[in-house]
Amino acid sequence: DAGVYGMTQNSQETVIGRITSVFGVKGWLKVFSYTDPKEGILNYPEWTLDLDGKRIPAKLEEGRRQGQGIVVRLKGINDRDLARTYCGAEVRVSTAELPELPEGEFYWFQL
């Protein structure tokens, strides 16, 4: 439905992480964050998950540092089996959501 996704697909997006595995039994997911610092990924509540070419809008409910990685809970994902279906998805955000950088600094996607 172009009405729902039209805005997102026309805007610039960048990948800020990848869902790697499930965490626990309540639907939490482990995320490999490409942001620096790693916790920076938690500053973006509106995600688009790209899973095998399918685009899935997702809303970050909560998240935290866990060892070397990040674990998150996404809205509507409440059990391990459902969470497992999202493993491998790229986490994308609109570049409009990214904070302005000081002059002379750039994001990777801009280089």
PDB file of N, CA and C in Angstrom:
ATOM      1  N   ASP A   1       0.845  -1.181   0.000  1.00  0.00           N
ATOM      2  CA  ASP A   1       0.000   0.000   0.000  1.00  0.00           C
ATOM      3  C   ASP A   1       0.891   1.246   0.000  1.00  0.00           C
ATOM      4  N   ALA A   2       0.893   1.953  -1.093  1.00  0.00           N
ATOM      5  CA  ALA A   2       1.777   3.113  -1.256  1.00  0.00           C
ATOM      6  C   ALA A   2       1.469   4.192  -0.225  1.00  0.00           C
ATOM      7  N   GLY A   3       0.230   4.281   0.220  1.00  0.00           N
ATOM      8  CA  GLY A   3      -0.135   5.305   1.197  1.00  0.00           C
ATOM      9  C   GLY A   3       0.613   5.140   2.500  1.00  0.00           C
ATOM     10  N   VAL A   4       0.819   3.905   2.915  1.00  0.00           N
ATOM     11  CA  VAL A   4       1.489   3.646   4.185  1.00  0.00           C
ATOM     12  C   VAL A   4       3.004   3.763   4.034  1.00  0.00           C
ATOM     13  N   TYR A   5       3.541   3.203   2.948  1.00  0.00           N
ATOM     14  CA  TYR A   5       4.987   3.109   2.816  1.00  0.00           C
ATOM     15  C   TYR A   5       5.605   4.176   1.925  1.00  0.00           C
ATOM     16  N   GLY A   6       4.771   4.909   1.175  1.00  0.00           N
ATOM     17  CA  GLY A   6       5.282   5.851   0.193  1.00  0.00           C
ATOM     18  C   GLY A   6       6.308   6.815   0.754  1.00  0.00           C
ATOM     19  N   MET A   7       5.997   7.398   1.898  1.00  0.00           N
ATOM     20  CA  MET A   7       6.890   8.390   2.476  1.00  0.00           C
ATOM     21  C   MET A   7       8.248   7.772   2.825  1.00  0.00           C
ATOM     22  N   THR A   8       8.216   6.592   3.433  1.00  0.00           N
ATOM     23  CA  THR A   8       9.452   5.953   3.873  1.00  0.00           C
ATOM     24  C   THR A   8      10.326   5.562   2.685  1.00  0.00           C
ATOM     25  N   GLN A   9       9.708   5.023   1.649  1.00  0.00           N
ATOM     26  CA  GLN A   9      10.514   4.535   0.543  1.00  0.00           C
ATOM     27  C   GLN A   9      11.143   5.666  -0.259  1.00  0.00           C
ATOM     28  N   ASN A  10      10.525   6.826  -0.271  1.00  0.00           N
ATOM     29  CA  ASN A  10      11.074   7.936  -1.036  1.00  0.00           C
ATOM     30  C   ASN A  10      12.169   8.660  -0.278  1.00  0.00           C
ATOM     31  N   SER A  11      12.197   8.518   1.050  1.00  0.00           N
ATOM     32  CA  SER A  11      13.191   9.238   1.829  1.00  0.00           C
ATOM     33  C   SER A  11      14.494   8.443   1.837  1.00  0.00           C
ATOM     34  N   GLN A  12      15.567   9.139   2.111  1.00  0.00           N
ATOM     35  CA  GLN A  12      16.860   8.486   2.234  1.00  0.00           C
ATOM     36  C   GLN A  12      16.882   7.684   3.526  1.00  0.00           C
ATOM     37  N   GLU A  13      17.455   6.503   3.457  1.00  0.00           N
ATOM     38  CA  GLU A  13      17.600   5.684   4.653  1.00  0.00           C
ATOM     39  C   GLU A  13      19.042   5.228   4.783  1.00  0.00           C
ATOM     40  N   THR A  14      19.412   4.873   5.997  1.00  0.00           N
ATOM     41  CA  THR A  14      20.721   4.292   6.225  1.00  0.00           C
ATOM     42  C   THR A  14      20.566   3.128   7.207  1.00  0.00           C
ATOM     43  N   VAL A  15      21.427   2.133   7.060  1.00  0.00           N
ATOM     44  CA  VAL A  15      21.400   0.960   7.937  1.00  0.00           C
ATOM     45  C   VAL A  15      22.179   1.287   9.203  1.00  0.00           C
ATOM     46  N   ILE A  16      21.555   1.092  10.373  1.00  0.00           N
ATOM     47  CA  ILE A  16      22.240   1.402  11.635  1.00  0.00           C
ATOM     48  C   ILE A  16      22.483   0.154  12.486  1.00  0.00           C
ATOM     49  N   GLY A  17      22.075  -1.014  11.979  1.00  0.00           N
ATOM     50  CA  GLY A  17      22.320  -2.235  12.731  1.00  0.00           C
ATOM     51  C   GLY A  17      21.681  -3.433  12.068  1.00  0.00           C
ATOM     52  N   ARG A  18      21.827  -4.579  12.738  1.00  0.00           N
ATOM     53  CA  ARG A  18      21.263  -5.831  12.235  1.00  0.00           C
ATOM     54  C   ARG A  18      20.779  -6.653  13.425  1.00  0.00           C
ATOM     55  N   ILE A  19      19.607  -7.257  13.271  1.00  0.00           N
ATOM     56  CA  ILE A  19      19.098  -8.159  14.311  1.00  0.00           C
ATOM     57  C   ILE A  19      19.802  -9.491  14.138  1.00  0.00           C
ATOM     58  N   THR A  20      20.475  -9.943  15.199  1.00  0.00           N
ATOM     59  CA  THR A  20      21.297 -11.144  15.070  1.00  0.00           C
ATOM     60  C   THR A  20      20.653 -12.394  15.659  1.00  0.00           C
ATOM     61  N   SER A  21      19.947 -12.270  16.783  1.00  0.00           N
ATOM     62  CA  SER A  21      19.367 -13.462  17.409  1.00  0.00           C
ATOM     63  C   SER A  21      18.311 -13.065  18.430  1.00  0.00           C
ATOM     64  N   VAL A  22      17.634 -14.079  18.949  1.00  0.00           N
ATOM     65  CA  VAL A  22      16.658 -13.828  20.004  1.00  0.00           C
ATOM     66  C   VAL A  22      17.394 -13.728  21.335  1.00  0.00           C
ATOM     67  N   PHE A  23      16.757 -13.098  22.318  1.00  0.00           N
ATOM     68  CA  PHE A  23      17.339 -12.954  23.651  1.00  0.00           C
ATOM     69  C   PHE A  23      16.250 -13.256  24.665  1.00  0.00           C
ATOM     70  N   GLY A  24      16.410 -14.349  25.409  1.00  0.00           N
ATOM     71  CA  GLY A  24      15.396 -14.723  26.396  1.00  0.00           C
ATOM     72  C   GLY A  24      14.139 -15.259  25.728  1.00  0.00           C
ATOM     73  N   VAL A  25      13.056 -15.336  26.499  1.00  0.00           N
ATOM     74  CA  VAL A  25      11.828 -15.964  25.999  1.00  0.00           C
ATOM     75  C   VAL A  25      10.687 -14.975  25.781  1.00  0.00           C
ATOM     76  N   LYS A  26      10.908 -13.692  26.103  1.00  0.00           N
ATOM     77  CA  LYS A  26       9.809 -12.720  26.039  1.00  0.00           C
ATOM     78  C   LYS A  26       9.809 -11.868  24.773  1.00  0.00           C
ATOM     79  N   GLY A  27      10.519 -12.312  23.740  1.00  0.00           N
ATOM     80  CA  GLY A  27      10.481 -11.586  22.477  1.00  0.00           C
ATOM     81  C   GLY A  27      11.565 -10.542  22.298  1.00  0.00           C
ATOM     82  N   TRP A  28      12.526 -10.479  23.232  1.00  0.00           N
ATOM     83  CA  TRP A  28      13.637  -9.548  23.071  1.00  0.00           C
ATOM     84  C   TRP A  28      14.556 -10.043  21.963  1.00  0.00           C
ATOM     85  N   LEU A  29      15.252  -9.094  21.331  1.00  0.00           N
ATOM     86  CA  LEU A  29      16.148  -9.409  20.221  1.00  0.00           C
ATOM     87  C   LEU A  29      17.531  -8.830  20.482  1.00  0.00           C
ATOM     88  N   LYS A  30      18.555  -9.571  20.055  1.00  0.00           N
ATOM     89  CA  LYS A  30      19.925  -9.052  20.106  1.00  0.00           C
ATOM     90  C   LYS A  30      20.172  -8.297  18.813  1.00  0.00           C
ATOM     91  N   VAL A  31      20.776  -7.118  18.940  1.00  0.00           N
ATOM     92  CA  VAL A  31      21.054  -6.281  17.782  1.00  0.00           C
ATOM     93  C   VAL A  31      22.542  -5.966  17.739  1.00  0.00           C
ATOM     94  N   PHE A  32      23.138  -6.146  16.555  1.00  0.00           N
ATOM     95  CA  PHE A  32      24.497  -5.677  16.344  1.00  0.00           C
ATOM     96  C   PHE A  32      24.380  -4.253  15.831  1.00  0.00           C
ATOM     97  N   SER A  33      24.820  -3.304  16.650  1.00  0.00           N
ATOM     98  CA  SER A  33      24.661  -1.889  16.328  1.00  0.00           C
ATOM     99  C   SER A  33      25.869  -1.353  15.576  1.00  0.00           C
ATOM    100  N   TYR A  34      25.615  -0.623  14.487  1.00  0.00           N
ATOM    101  CA  TYR A  34      26.691   0.025  13.733  1.00  0.00           C
ATOM    102  C   TYR A  34      26.933   1.444  14.228  1.00  0.00           C
ATOM    103  N   THR A  35      26.146   1.902  15.205  1.00  0.00           N
ATOM    104  CA  THR A  35      26.310   3.272  15.680  1.00  0.00           C
ATOM    105  C   THR A  35      27.496   3.350  16.650  1.00  0.00           C
ATOM    106  N   ASP A  36      28.028   4.545  16.811  1.00  0.00           N
ATOM    107  CA  ASP A  36      29.139   4.775  17.731  1.00  0.00           C
ATOM    108  C   ASP A  36      28.753   5.943  18.630  1.00  0.00           C
ATOM    109  N   PRO A  37      28.502   5.707  19.931  1.00  0.00           N
ATOM    110  CA  PRO A  37      28.613   4.428  20.629  1.00  0.00           C
ATOM    111  C   PRO A  37      27.478   3.465  20.245  1.00  0.00           C
ATOM    112  N   LYS A  38      27.658   2.191  20.586  1.00  0.00           N
ATOM    113  CA  LYS A  38      26.676   1.156  20.230  1.00  0.00           C
ATOM    114  C   LYS A  38      25.266   1.498  20.699  1.00  0.00           C
ATOM    115  N   GLU A  39      25.167   2.136  21.899  1.00  0.00           N
ATOM    116  CA  GLU A  39      23.847   2.479  22.447  1.00  0.00           C
ATOM    117  C   GLU A  39      23.120   3.522  21.605  1.00  0.00           C
ATOM    118  N   GLY A  40      23.824   4.172  20.701  1.00  0.00           N
ATOM    119  CA  GLY A  40      23.218   5.210  19.867  1.00  0.00           C
ATOM    120  C   GLY A  40      22.014   4.721  19.090  1.00  0.00           C
ATOM    121  N   ILE A  41      21.989   3.435  18.775  1.00  0.00           N
ATOM    122  CA  ILE A  41      20.863   2.867  18.017  1.00  0.00           C
ATOM    123  C   ILE A  41      19.550   3.024  18.786  1.00  0.00           C
ATOM    124  N   LEU A  42      19.657   3.115  20.118  1.00  0.00           N
ATOM    125  CA  LEU A  42      18.460   3.230  20.957  1.00  0.00           C
ATOM    126  C   LEU A  42      17.838   4.625  20.892  1.00  0.00           C
ATOM    127  N   ASN A  43      18.513   5.567  20.251  1.00  0.00           N
ATOM    128  CA  ASN A  43      17.980   6.927  20.114  1.00  0.00           C
ATOM    129  C   ASN A  43      16.968   7.047  18.977  1.00  0.00           C
ATOM    130  N   TYR A  44      16.779   5.969  18.226  1.00  0.00           N
ATOM    131  CA  TYR A  44      15.886   6.013  17.056  1.00  0.00           C
ATOM    132  C   TYR A  44      14.694   5.086  17.287  1.00  0.00           C
ATOM    133  N   PRO A  45      13.534   5.649  17.651  1.00  0.00           N
ATOM    134  CA  PRO A  45      12.379   4.807  17.994  1.00  0.00           C
ATOM    135  C   PRO A  45      11.670   4.198  16.783  1.00  0.00           C
ATOM    136  N   GLU A  46      11.800   4.814  15.616  1.00  0.00           N
ATOM    137  CA  GLU A  46      11.095   4.324  14.426  1.00  0.00           C
ATOM    138  C   GLU A  46      12.077   3.603  13.514  1.00  0.00           C
ATOM    139  N   TRP A  47      11.928   2.292  13.391  1.00  0.00           N
ATOM    140  CA  TRP A  47      12.816   1.491  12.555  1.00  0.00           C
ATOM    141  C   TRP A  47      12.052   0.957  11.350  1.00  0.00           C
ATOM    142  N   THR A  48      12.784   0.720  10.290  1.00  0.00           N
ATOM    143  CA  THR A  48      12.278  -0.082   9.186  1.00  0.00           C
ATOM    144  C   THR A  48      13.180  -1.306   9.130  1.00  0.00           C
ATOM    145  N   LEU A  49      12.584  -2.479   9.278  1.00  0.00           N
ATOM    146  CA  LEU A  49      13.366  -3.711   9.198  1.00  0.00           C
ATOM    147  C   LEU A  49      13.331  -4.192   7.756  1.00  0.00           C
ATOM    148  N   ASP A  50      14.488  -4.510   7.228  1.00  0.00           N
ATOM    149  CA  ASP A  50      14.610  -5.011   5.865  1.00  0.00           C
ATOM    150  C   ASP A  50      14.983  -6.482   5.976  1.00  0.00           C
ATOM    151  N   LEU A  51      14.019  -7.346   5.678  1.00  0.00           N
ATOM    152  CA  LEU A  51      14.221  -8.785   5.835  1.00  0.00           C
ATOM    153  C   LEU A  51      13.937  -9.458   4.504  1.00  0.00           C
ATOM    154  N   ASP A  52      14.995  -9.915   3.851  1.00  0.00           N
ATOM    155  CA  ASP A  52      14.864 -10.564   2.535  1.00  0.00           C
ATOM    156  C   ASP A  52      14.069  -9.704   1.563  1.00  0.00           C
ATOM    157  N   GLY A  53      14.331  -8.399   1.566  1.00  0.00           N
ATOM    158  CA  GLY A  53      13.657  -7.500   0.630  1.00  0.00           C
ATOM    159  C   GLY A  53      12.285  -7.029   1.086  1.00  0.00           C
ATOM    160  N   LYS A  54      11.791  -7.586   2.193  1.00  0.00           N
ATOM    161  CA  LYS A  54      10.510  -7.131   2.755  1.00  0.00           C
ATOM    162  C   LYS A  54      10.784  -6.014   3.732  1.00  0.00           C
ATOM    163  N   ARG A  55       9.976  -4.960   3.665  1.00  0.00           N
ATOM    164  CA  ARG A  55      10.132  -3.818   4.567  1.00  0.00           C
ATOM    165  C   ARG A  55       9.060  -3.892   5.651  1.00  0.00           C
ATOM    166  N   ILE A  56       9.500  -3.901   6.903  1.00  0.00           N
ATOM    167  CA  ILE A  56       8.583  -4.050   8.026  1.00  0.00           C
ATOM    168  C   ILE A  56       8.777  -2.873   8.975  1.00  0.00           C
ATOM    169  N   PRO A  57       7.759  -2.010   9.130  1.00  0.00           N
ATOM    170  CA  PRO A  57       7.896  -0.917  10.100  1.00  0.00           C
ATOM    171  C   PRO A  57       7.932  -1.484  11.522  1.00  0.00           C
ATOM    172  N   ALA A  58       8.800  -0.943  12.362  1.00  0.00           N
ATOM    173  CA  ALA A  58       8.924  -1.423  13.739  1.00  0.00           C
ATOM    174  C   ALA A  58       9.120  -0.232  14.671  1.00  0.00           C
ATOM    175  N   LYS A  59       8.608  -0.394  15.883  1.00  0.00           N
ATOM    176  CA  LYS A  59       8.718   0.668  16.889  1.00  0.00           C
ATOM    177  C   LYS A  59       9.495   0.118  18.083  1.00  0.00           C
ATOM    178  N   LEU A  60      10.549   0.822  18.463  1.00  0.00           N
ATOM    179  CA  LEU A  60      11.373   0.422  19.599  1.00  0.00           C
ATOM    180  C   LEU A  60      10.633   0.733  20.901  1.00  0.00           C
ATOM    181  N   GLU A  61      10.377  -0.296  21.695  1.00  0.00           N
ATOM    182  CA  GLU A  61       9.707  -0.107  22.985  1.00  0.00           C
ATOM    183  C   GLU A  61      10.728   0.150  24.091  1.00  0.00           C
ATOM    184  N   GLU A  62      11.772  -0.673  24.135  1.00  0.00           N
ATOM    185  CA  GLU A  62      12.833  -0.472  25.109  1.00  0.00           C
ATOM    186  C   GLU A  62      14.080  -1.214  24.658  1.00  0.00           C
ATOM    187  N   GLY A  63      15.208  -0.827  25.240  1.00  0.00           N
ATOM    188  CA  GLY A  63      16.457  -1.475  24.876  1.00  0.00           C
ATOM    189  C   GLY A  63      17.531  -1.121  25.874  1.00  0.00           C
ATOM    190  N   ARG A  64      18.621  -1.907  25.861  1.00  0.00           N
ATOM    191  CA  ARG A  64      19.720  -1.657  26.791  1.00  0.00           C
ATOM    192  C   ARG A  64      20.987  -2.364  26.302  1.00  0.00           C
ATOM    193  N   ARG A  65      22.086  -1.943  26.889  1.00  0.00           N
ATOM    194  CA  ARG A  65      23.361  -2.605  26.623  1.00  0.00           C
ATOM    195  C   ARG A  65      23.329  -3.974  27.299  1.00  0.00           C
ATOM    196  N   GLN A  66      23.864  -4.986  26.637  1.00  0.00           N
ATOM    197  CA  GLN A  66      23.931  -6.332  27.223  1.00  0.00           C
ATOM    198  C   GLN A  66      25.267  -6.929  26.786  1.00  0.00           C
ATOM    199  N   GLY A  67      26.254  -6.911  27.685  1.00  0.00           N
ATOM    200  CA  GLY A  67      27.584  -7.387  27.306  1.00  0.00           C
ATOM    201  C   GLY A  67      28.153  -6.492  26.210  1.00  0.00           C
ATOM    202  N   GLN A  68      28.606  -7.117  25.122  1.00  0.00           N
ATOM    203  CA  GLN A  68      29.178  -6.364  24.006  1.00  0.00           C
ATOM    204  C   GLN A  68      28.111  -5.833  23.055  1.00  0.00           C
ATOM    205  N   GLY A  69      26.872  -6.272  23.224  1.00  0.00           N
ATOM    206  CA  GLY A  69      25.841  -5.887  22.267  1.00  0.00           C
ATOM    207  C   GLY A  69      24.696  -5.103  22.882  1.00  0.00           C
ATOM    208  N   ILE A  70      23.619  -5.071  22.134  1.00  0.00           N
ATOM    209  CA  ILE A  70      22.410  -4.344  22.514  1.00  0.00           C
ATOM    210  C   ILE A  70      21.247  -5.329  22.431  1.00  0.00           C
ATOM    211  N   VAL A  71      20.331  -5.255  23.393  1.00  0.00           N
ATOM    212  CA  VAL A  71      19.098  -6.037  23.301  1.00  0.00           C
ATOM    213  C   VAL A  71      17.923  -5.073  23.296  1.00  0.00           C
ATOM    214  N   VAL A  72      16.903  -5.425  22.503  1.00  0.00           N
ATOM    215  CA  VAL A  72      15.753  -4.539  22.347  1.00  0.00           C
ATOM    216  C   VAL A  72      14.450  -5.328  22.393  1.00  0.00           C
ATOM    217  N   ARG A  73      13.393  -4.581  22.716  1.00  0.00           N
ATOM    218  CA  ARG A  73      12.044  -5.118  22.615  1.00  0.00           C
ATOM    219  C   ARG A  73      11.298  -4.217  21.639  1.00  0.00           C
ATOM    220  N   LEU A  74      10.742  -4.832  20.610  1.00  0.00           N
ATOM    221  CA  LEU A  74       9.979  -4.098  19.612  1.00  0.00           C
ATOM    222  C   LEU A  74       8.490  -4.285  19.861  1.00  0.00           C
ATOM    223  N   LYS A  75       7.730  -3.251  19.596  1.00  0.00           N
ATOM    224  CA  LYS A  75       6.280  -3.268  19.821  1.00  0.00           C
ATOM    225  C   LYS A  75       5.651  -4.450  19.082  1.00  0.00           C
ATOM    226  N   GLY A  76       4.818  -5.204  19.800  1.00  0.00           N
ATOM    227  CA  GLY A  76       4.072  -6.297  19.193  1.00  0.00           C
ATOM    228  C   GLY A  76       4.806  -7.620  19.113  1.00  0.00           C
ATOM    229  N   ILE A  77       6.056  -7.651  19.510  1.00  0.00           N
ATOM    230  CA  ILE A  77       6.815  -8.910  19.496  1.00  0.00           C
ATOM    231  C   ILE A  77       6.990  -9.350  20.944  1.00  0.00           C
ATOM    232  N   ASN A  78       6.189 -10.338  21.340  1.00  0.00           N
ATOM    233  CA  ASN A  78       6.131 -10.706  22.756  1.00  0.00           C
ATOM    234  C   ASN A  78       6.601 -12.117  23.069  1.00  0.00           C
ATOM    235  N   ASP A  79       6.975 -12.891  22.046  1.00  0.00           N
ATOM    236  CA  ASP A  79       7.470 -14.230  22.358  1.00  0.00           C
ATOM    237  C   ASP A  79       8.627 -14.607  21.439  1.00  0.00           C
ATOM    238  N   ARG A  80       9.369 -15.596  21.890  1.00  0.00           N
ATOM    239  CA  ARG A  80      10.609 -16.003  21.241  1.00  0.00           C
ATOM    240  C   ARG A  80      10.379 -16.469  19.799  1.00  0.00           C
ATOM    241  N   ASP A  81       9.300 -17.219  19.558  1.00  0.00           N
ATOM    242  CA  ASP A  81       9.067 -17.747  18.202  1.00  0.00           C
ATOM    243  C   ASP A  81       8.834 -16.630  17.200  1.00  0.00           C
ATOM    244  N   LEU A  82       8.035 -15.632  17.590  1.00  0.00           N
ATOM    245  CA  LEU A  82       7.805 -14.492  16.705  1.00  0.00           C
ATOM    246  C   LEU A  82       9.109 -13.705  16.527  1.00  0.00           C
ATOM    247  N   ALA A  83       9.832 -13.497  17.614  1.00  0.00           N
ATOM    248  CA  ALA A  83      11.089 -12.755  17.556  1.00  0.00           C
ATOM    249  C   ALA A  83      12.057 -13.417  16.580  1.00  0.00           C
ATOM    250  N   ARG A  84      12.095 -14.746  16.579  1.00  0.00           N
ATOM    251  CA  ARG A  84      13.039 -15.477  15.727  1.00  0.00           C
ATOM    252  C   ARG A  84      12.832 -15.150  14.249  1.00  0.00           C
ATOM    253  N   THR A  85      11.590 -14.835  13.858  1.00  0.00           N
ATOM    254  CA  THR A  85      11.313 -14.557  12.442  1.00  0.00           C
ATOM    255  C   THR A  85      11.972 -13.255  11.975  1.00  0.00           C
ATOM    256  N   TYR A  86      12.440 -12.419  12.904  1.00  0.00           N
ATOM    257  CA  TYR A  86      13.074 -11.147  12.539  1.00  0.00           C
ATOM    258  C   TYR A  86      14.602 -11.239  12.498  1.00  0.00           C
ATOM    259  N   CYS A  87      15.171 -12.383  12.880  1.00  0.00           N
ATOM    260  CA  CYS A  87      16.628 -12.525  12.905  1.00  0.00           C
ATOM    261  C   CYS A  87      17.190 -12.371  11.494  1.00  0.00           C
ATOM    262  N   GLY A  88      18.260 -11.604  11.397  1.00  0.00           N
ATOM    263  CA  GLY A  88      18.888 -11.356  10.106  1.00  0.00           C
ATOM    264  C   GLY A  88      18.436 -10.063   9.448  1.00  0.00           C
ATOM    265  N   ALA A  89      17.408  -9.420  10.006  1.00  0.00           N
ATOM    266  CA  ALA A  89      16.890  -8.186   9.399  1.00  0.00           C
ATOM    267  C   ALA A  89      17.874  -7.035   9.605  1.00  0.00           C
ATOM    268  N   GLU A  90      18.002  -6.202   8.577  1.00  0.00           N
ATOM    269  CA  GLU A  90      18.755  -4.959   8.720  1.00  0.00           C
ATOM    270  C   GLU A  90      17.856  -3.929   9.369  1.00  0.00           C
ATOM    271  N   VAL A  91      18.428  -3.122  10.252  1.00  0.00           N
ATOM    272  CA  VAL A  91      17.697  -2.033  10.902  1.00  0.00           C
ATOM    273  C   VAL A  91      18.018  -0.746  10.146  1.00  0.00           C
ATOM    274  N   ARG A  92      16.983  -0.135   9.573  1.00  0.00           N
ATOM    275  CA  ARG A  92      17.171   1.102   8.817  1.00  0.00           C
ATOM    276  C   ARG A  92      16.412   2.235   9.490  1.00  0.00           C
ATOM    277  N   VAL A  93      16.949   3.438   9.365  1.00  0.00           N
ATOM    278  CA  VAL A  93      16.238   4.643   9.806  1.00  0.00           C
ATOM    279  C   VAL A  93      16.364   5.685   8.708  1.00  0.00           C
ATOM    280  N   SER A  94      15.434   6.608   8.711  1.00  0.00           N
ATOM    281  CA  SER A  94      15.486   7.729   7.779  1.00  0.00           C
ATOM    282  C   SER A  94      16.684   8.600   8.124  1.00  0.00           C
ATOM    283  N   THR A  95      17.428   9.028   7.104  1.00  0.00           N
ATOM    284  CA  THR A  95      18.579   9.888   7.374  1.00  0.00           C
ATOM    285  C   THR A  95      18.137  11.220   7.972  1.00  0.00           C
ATOM    286  N   ALA A  96      16.863  11.571   7.780  1.00  0.00           N
ATOM    287  CA  ALA A  96      16.346  12.812   8.373  1.00  0.00           C
ATOM    288  C   ALA A  96      16.334  12.724   9.903  1.00  0.00           C
ATOM    289  N   GLU A  97      16.331  11.497  10.446  1.00  0.00           N
ATOM    290  CA  GLU A  97      16.312  11.298  11.895  1.00  0.00           C
ATOM    291  C   GLU A  97      17.693  11.480  12.520  1.00  0.00           C
ATOM    292  N   LEU A  98      18.738  11.433  11.721  1.00  0.00           N
ATOM    293  CA  LEU A  98      20.095  11.483  12.255  1.00  0.00           C
ATOM    294  C   LEU A  98      20.417  12.891  12.744  1.00  0.00           C
ATOM    295  N   PRO A  99      21.158  12.996  13.842  1.00  0.00           N
ATOM    296  CA  PRO A  99      21.511  14.323  14.329  1.00  0.00           C
ATOM    297  C   PRO A  99      22.490  15.020  13.388  1.00  0.00           C
ATOM    298  N   GLU A 100      22.455  16.346  13.398  1.00  0.00           N
ATOM    299  CA  GLU A 100      23.414  17.129  12.620  1.00  0.00           C
ATOM    300  C   GLU A 100      24.811  16.893  13.187  1.00  0.00           C
ATOM    301  N   LEU A 101      25.788  16.754  12.312  1.00  0.00           N
ATOM    302  CA  LEU A 101      27.169  16.587  12.760  1.00  0.00           C
ATOM    303  C   LEU A 101      27.898  17.923  12.696  1.00  0.00           C
ATOM    304  N   PRO A 102      28.930  18.078  13.522  1.00  0.00           N
ATOM    305  CA  PRO A 102      29.734  19.298  13.428  1.00  0.00           C
ATOM    306  C   PRO A 102      30.362  19.414  12.042  1.00  0.00           C
ATOM    307  N   GLU A 103      30.671  20.632  11.642  1.00  0.00           N
ATOM    308  CA  GLU A 103      31.281  20.870  10.334  1.00  0.00           C
ATOM    309  C   GLU A 103      32.542  20.031  10.184  1.00  0.00           C
ATOM    310  N   GLY A 104      32.688  19.400   9.019  1.00  0.00           N
ATOM    311  CA  GLY A 104      33.877  18.588   8.760  1.00  0.00           C
ATOM    312  C   GLY A 104      33.728  17.132   9.159  1.00  0.00           C
ATOM    313  N   GLU A 105      32.608  16.776   9.814  1.00  0.00           N
ATOM    314  CA  GLU A 105      32.354  15.377  10.148  1.00  0.00           C
ATOM    315  C   GLU A 105      31.248  14.848   9.260  1.00  0.00           C
ATOM    316  N   PHE A 106      31.328  13.537   8.958  1.00  0.00           N
ATOM    317  CA  PHE A 106      30.378  12.934   8.023  1.00  0.00           C
ATOM    318  C   PHE A 106      29.938  11.571   8.530  1.00  0.00           C
ATOM    319  N   TYR A 107      28.751  11.156   8.088  1.00  0.00           N
ATOM    320  CA  TYR A 107      28.320   9.777   8.300  1.00  0.00           C
ATOM    321  C   TYR A 107      28.936   8.911   7.209  1.00  0.00           C
ATOM    322  N   TRP A 108      29.093   7.624   7.504  1.00  0.00           N
ATOM    323  CA  TRP A 108      29.668   6.701   6.518  1.00  0.00           C
ATOM    324  C   TRP A 108      28.922   6.764   5.188  1.00  0.00           C
ATOM    325  N   PHE A 109      27.592   6.805   5.233  1.00  0.00           N
ATOM    326  CA  PHE A 109      26.819   6.752   3.991  1.00  0.00           C
ATOM    327  C   PHE A 109      27.033   7.991   3.129  1.00  0.00           C
ATOM    328  N   GLN A 110      27.589   9.060   3.708  1.00  0.00           N
ATOM    329  CA  GLN A 110      27.811  10.300   2.952  1.00  0.00           C
ATOM    330  C   GLN A 110      29.148  10.280   2.215  1.00  0.00           C
ATOM    331  N   LEU A 111      29.996   9.317   2.530  1.00  0.00           N
ATOM    332  CA  LEU A 111      31.338   9.293   1.938  1.00  0.00           C
ATOM    333  C   LEU A 111      31.355   8.543   0.617  1.00  0.00           C
TER     334      LEU A 111
END
